[in-house]
Amino acid sequence: MKTKISLTLLIFIVLLSGCGLHRGYVLFNEKPDELIATEKVKAFLKQNPNASIVLRVPISTNSATQSDPNSLVYNAIEKELVLSGFNLKDRGLFNQVINSQTSLDYSKIEELAGADLILELVKIDRSVPFTTNIAYTESGEQVILENGEYTRYGAMIEFKLTLVRNNEYGGSFSFYYTPCTQRNSDCNCSVPYKYGGYKFYPDKVANFCGSDRRSGAVKSYEVMQQDDLVAFVRDGVKKVIKSIK
């Protein structure tokens, strides 16, 4: 009798554990960078390795003050330019003058900029969506979701380079941060599922990094954090410099 009760209890525990949420994960294919550098800018920098340069930032967020949410990003870009040997010109004054012009007279740009090159930050987006209908179990088994999909957010940054003299195009550069490119301990890449039929829950994000890891509580997926964004941007600038020097 005692053995029968123990067996029943064991079966109950197994069934109960099977009803709990388990930790699967999602993966995304990395989006490649796009680098275009002209031969003219390469030749110019070969002759002028310490050329002067100024950073032009988007007109909607062109403040150089700390109140600008992207000020840390701008500073990070400029630090990499200085470290690579460029003669950095004042961003705040240049952007103030340029963005106040109703029409841009490129014949006066060299005088206004006091620089050989303009590196323009065309766009920065820290909430680029990546979506998939494929998830993986704890053991790495692939499951295709018939109803629903998972979305996580990466980032992108785009630059344009201009040779100030004669307003010549020097290149365009786009860089992408793809989330969840490999299986790791990042809870933002983890997704909940149940063993029975490997049922996944796209509408839930279990708090795998907290104490309530099996609750299935819905939580928002945050966009790229500031420190990660700065590191991503600095890496992108290094790639720009490498492609033009």
Protein backbone atom coordinates (compact mmCIF):
# COMPACT_ATOMS: atom_id res chain seq x y z
CA MET A 1 0.00 0.00 0.00
CA LYS A 2 2.82 2.35 0.96
CA THR A 3 4.63 1.58 -2.31
CA LYS A 4 1.47 2.34 -4.31
CA ILE A 5 1.06 5.71 -2.58
CA SER A 6 4.70 6.60 -3.22
CA LEU A 7 4.35 5.69 -6.89
CA THR A 8 1.21 7.79 -7.22
CA LEU A 9 2.95 10.74 -5.54
CA LEU A 10 5.93 10.42 -7.90
CA ILE A 11 3.67 10.40 -10.95
CA PHE A 12 1.85 13.46 -9.60
CA ILE A 13 5.14 15.34 -9.12
CA VAL A 14 6.29 14.49 -12.65
CA LEU A 15 3.00 15.64 -14.13
CA LEU A 16 3.09 18.82 -12.06
CA SER A 17 6.62 19.66 -13.16
CA GLY A 18 5.61 19.07 -16.77
CA CYS A 19 2.93 21.74 -16.39
CA GLY A 20 5.50 24.35 -15.36
CA LEU A 21 7.20 26.73 -17.76
CA HIS A 22 10.61 25.79 -19.13
CA ARG A 23 13.30 27.99 -20.62
CA GLY A 24 13.63 27.96 -24.38
CA TYR A 25 15.26 30.62 -26.52
CA VAL A 26 15.14 32.44 -29.85
CA LEU A 27 17.91 33.17 -32.35
CA PHE A 28 18.22 35.72 -35.17
CA ASN A 29 20.49 35.80 -38.21
CA GLU A 30 22.99 38.63 -37.94
CA LYS A 31 22.33 41.51 -40.32
CA PRO A 32 25.56 42.44 -42.15
CA ASP A 33 27.14 45.89 -42.04
CA GLU A 34 27.19 48.06 -45.16
CA LEU A 35 30.42 49.96 -45.85
CA ILE A 36 31.07 52.12 -48.91
CA ALA A 37 34.24 54.23 -49.00
CA THR A 38 35.33 56.04 -52.16
CA GLU A 39 38.84 55.90 -53.56
CA LYS A 40 38.98 59.70 -53.36
CA VAL A 41 38.59 59.77 -49.58
CA LYS A 42 41.11 56.94 -49.19
CA ALA A 43 43.63 58.80 -51.34
CA PHE A 44 43.00 62.05 -49.45
CA LEU A 45 43.58 60.42 -46.06
CA LYS A 46 46.69 58.69 -47.31
CA GLN A 47 48.09 62.14 -48.03
CA ASN A 48 46.51 63.70 -44.92
CA PRO A 49 46.38 61.06 -42.14
CA ASN A 50 45.64 63.72 -39.51
CA ALA A 51 42.94 65.51 -41.48
CA SER A 52 40.52 67.76 -39.63
CA ILE A 53 36.99 66.44 -39.19
CA VAL A 54 33.69 67.58 -37.67
CA LEU A 55 30.68 65.55 -36.60
CA ARG A 56 27.31 66.63 -37.93
CA VAL A 57 24.35 65.32 -35.96
CA PRO A 58 20.62 65.13 -36.79
CA ILE A 59 18.91 68.51 -36.78
CA SER A 60 16.16 67.32 -34.42
CA THR A 61 18.69 66.35 -31.73
CA ASN A 62 21.64 68.61 -32.40
CA SER A 63 22.23 69.89 -28.89
CA ALA A 64 25.70 69.37 -27.52
CA THR A 65 24.49 69.60 -23.95
CA GLN A 66 24.07 66.71 -21.53
CA SER A 67 20.28 67.14 -21.74
CA ASP A 68 20.44 65.63 -25.23
CA PRO A 69 19.71 61.89 -24.84
CA ASN A 70 22.27 61.12 -27.53
CA SER A 71 25.07 63.31 -26.15
CA LEU A 72 26.95 60.26 -24.85
CA VAL A 73 26.77 58.73 -28.32
CA TYR A 74 28.15 61.89 -29.93
CA ASN A 75 30.96 62.03 -27.41
CA ALA A 76 31.79 58.37 -28.04
CA ILE A 77 32.02 58.99 -31.79
CA GLU A 78 34.33 61.95 -31.31
CA LYS A 79 36.57 60.05 -28.89
CA GLU A 80 37.17 57.37 -31.51
CA LEU A 81 37.97 60.01 -34.12
CA VAL A 82 40.53 61.64 -31.83
CA LEU A 83 42.07 58.30 -30.88
CA SER A 84 42.56 57.49 -34.56
CA GLY A 85 44.52 60.70 -35.15
CA PHE A 86 41.93 63.05 -36.64
CA ASN A 87 42.01 66.76 -35.82
CA LEU A 88 38.56 67.17 -34.32
CA LYS A 89 36.66 70.42 -34.83
CA ASP A 90 33.94 71.88 -32.62
CA ARG A 91 30.67 70.07 -33.21
CA GLY A 92 28.38 72.45 -31.34
CA LEU A 93 29.30 75.60 -33.25
CA PHE A 94 29.32 73.87 -36.63
CA ASN A 95 25.90 72.27 -36.19
CA GLN A 96 24.42 75.50 -34.89
CA VAL A 97 25.58 77.41 -37.96
CA ILE A 98 24.78 74.72 -40.52
CA ASN A 99 21.32 73.90 -39.19
CA SER A 100 20.36 77.58 -39.10
CA GLN A 101 20.82 77.86 -42.87
CA THR A 102 17.62 77.73 -44.94
CA SER A 103 19.65 76.53 -47.91
CA LEU A 104 23.07 74.95 -47.65
CA ASP A 105 25.70 76.80 -49.68
CA TYR A 106 28.49 74.25 -50.01
CA SER A 107 30.88 76.86 -51.32
CA LYS A 108 30.94 78.24 -47.76
CA ILE A 109 31.00 74.91 -45.92
CA GLU A 110 34.79 74.72 -45.77
CA GLU A 111 34.95 78.14 -44.20
CA LEU A 112 32.17 77.36 -41.72
CA ALA A 113 33.44 73.93 -40.79
CA GLY A 114 37.12 74.68 -40.69
CA ALA A 115 37.48 70.98 -41.46
CA ASP A 116 38.52 68.73 -44.31
CA LEU A 117 35.83 66.13 -43.66
CA ILE A 118 32.28 66.03 -42.35
CA LEU A 119 31.13 62.81 -40.71
CA GLU A 120 27.34 63.03 -40.64
CA LEU A 121 25.31 60.90 -38.27
CA VAL A 122 22.38 60.30 -40.59
CA LYS A 123 20.35 58.04 -38.34
CA ILE A 124 20.46 56.22 -35.06
CA ASP A 125 17.74 53.75 -34.06
CA ARG A 126 17.90 51.64 -30.91
CA SER A 127 14.59 49.83 -31.46
CA VAL A 128 14.99 47.96 -34.76
CA PRO A 129 12.57 44.98 -34.68
CA PHE A 130 13.73 41.43 -35.38
CA THR A 131 10.92 38.88 -35.69
CA THR A 132 10.82 35.08 -35.93
CA ASN A 133 8.30 32.25 -35.71
CA ILE A 134 11.02 29.76 -34.73
CA ALA A 135 11.96 28.92 -31.15
CA TYR A 136 14.22 26.36 -29.49
CA THR A 137 13.77 24.12 -26.48
CA GLU A 138 16.28 23.78 -23.65
CA SER A 139 17.93 20.91 -25.52
CA GLY A 140 18.18 22.91 -28.76
CA GLU A 141 15.28 21.30 -30.63
CA GLN A 142 13.75 23.66 -33.19
CA VAL A 143 10.02 24.35 -33.01
CA ILE A 144 8.08 26.29 -35.66
CA LEU A 145 5.25 28.31 -34.13
CA GLU A 146 2.00 27.90 -36.04
CA ASN A 147 0.30 30.80 -34.30
CA GLY A 148 2.33 33.77 -33.11
CA GLU A 149 5.89 35.00 -33.34
CA TYR A 150 8.61 36.56 -31.20
CA THR A 151 10.01 40.07 -31.62
CA ARG A 152 13.20 41.40 -30.10
CA TYR A 153 14.89 44.75 -30.73
CA GLY A 154 18.34 45.53 -32.05
CA ALA A 155 19.87 48.81 -33.21
CA MET A 156 21.31 50.50 -36.27
CA ILE A 157 23.46 53.52 -36.96
CA GLU A 158 24.16 55.19 -40.31
CA PHE A 159 26.94 57.60 -41.26
CA LYS A 160 27.74 59.66 -44.35
CA LEU A 161 31.21 61.03 -45.06
CA THR A 162 31.82 64.15 -47.16
CA LEU A 163 35.04 65.71 -48.44
CA VAL A 164 34.36 69.36 -47.72
CA ARG A 165 36.37 70.75 -50.61
CA ASN A 166 34.18 70.51 -53.73
CA ASN A 167 31.48 68.79 -51.64
CA GLU A 168 32.57 65.31 -52.72
CA TYR A 169 30.90 62.16 -51.49
CA GLY A 170 33.29 60.12 -49.40
CA GLY A 171 31.19 57.16 -48.37
CA SER A 172 28.20 55.71 -46.54
CA PHE A 173 28.28 53.32 -43.61
CA SER A 174 25.48 51.42 -41.88
CA PHE A 175 25.93 49.15 -38.88
CA TYR A 176 23.47 46.81 -37.24
CA TYR A 177 23.25 45.29 -33.79
CA THR A 178 21.36 42.01 -34.01
CA PRO A 179 19.99 40.59 -30.75
CA CYS A 180 20.09 36.91 -29.80
CA THR A 181 22.64 35.77 -32.37
CA GLN A 182 23.77 32.86 -30.24
CA ARG A 183 22.46 30.86 -27.32
CA ASN A 184 23.55 32.47 -24.08
CA SER A 185 22.32 33.38 -20.63
CA ASP A 186 20.61 36.61 -21.78
CA CYS A 187 17.13 36.41 -20.30
CA ASN A 188 15.80 38.71 -23.04
CA CYS A 189 16.45 35.93 -25.55
CA SER A 190 14.73 33.32 -23.38
CA VAL A 191 11.13 32.28 -24.05
CA PRO A 192 8.76 30.12 -21.98
CA TYR A 193 7.28 26.80 -23.10
CA LYS A 194 5.71 23.65 -21.69
CA TYR A 195 6.95 20.15 -22.43
CA GLY A 196 3.55 18.80 -23.46
CA GLY A 197 3.69 19.21 -27.23
CA TYR A 198 6.42 21.82 -26.79
CA LYS A 199 3.87 24.60 -26.50
CA PHE A 200 5.47 28.06 -26.66
CA TYR A 201 3.90 31.31 -25.48
CA PRO A 202 4.74 34.30 -27.72
CA ASP A 203 2.52 36.55 -25.60
CA LYS A 204 4.49 35.86 -22.43
CA VAL A 205 8.07 36.52 -21.32
CA ALA A 206 8.88 34.52 -18.21
CA ASN A 207 11.08 36.34 -15.71
CA PHE A 208 13.97 33.89 -16.05
CA CYS A 209 16.42 36.37 -14.52
CA GLY A 210 14.36 36.90 -11.39
CA SER A 211 13.00 34.86 -8.53
CA ASP A 212 9.66 34.34 -10.30
CA ARG A 213 11.20 32.49 -13.24
CA ARG A 214 8.32 30.06 -13.82
CA SER A 215 5.42 32.43 -13.33
CA GLY A 216 4.95 33.33 -16.98
CA ALA A 217 4.40 36.93 -15.97
CA VAL A 218 4.28 39.24 -18.96
CA LYS A 219 7.02 41.87 -19.03
CA SER A 220 8.10 44.33 -21.66
CA TYR A 221 11.21 43.70 -23.74
CA GLU A 222 13.41 46.75 -23.34
CA VAL A 223 15.27 48.44 -26.18
CA MET A 224 19.05 48.49 -26.26
CA GLN A 225 20.58 49.87 -23.06
CA GLN A 226 22.65 53.07 -23.16
CA ASP A 227 25.98 51.44 -22.28
CA ASP A 228 25.50 48.74 -24.93
CA LEU A 229 24.51 51.40 -27.47
CA VAL A 230 27.66 53.44 -26.82
CA ALA A 231 29.85 50.36 -27.17
CA PHE A 232 28.06 49.43 -30.42
CA VAL A 233 28.53 52.95 -31.82
CA ARG A 234 32.22 53.09 -30.94
CA ASP A 235 32.75 49.76 -32.66
CA GLY A 236 30.98 51.12 -35.76
CA VAL A 237 33.19 54.21 -35.86
CA LYS A 238 36.28 52.00 -35.66
CA LYS A 239 35.01 50.13 -38.71
CA VAL A 240 34.45 53.41 -40.58
CA ILE A 241 38.01 54.54 -39.83
CA LYS A 242 39.46 51.18 -40.84
CA SER A 243 37.63 51.28 -44.17
CA ILE A 244 38.86 54.77 -45.11
CA LYS A 245 42.46 54.66 -43.84
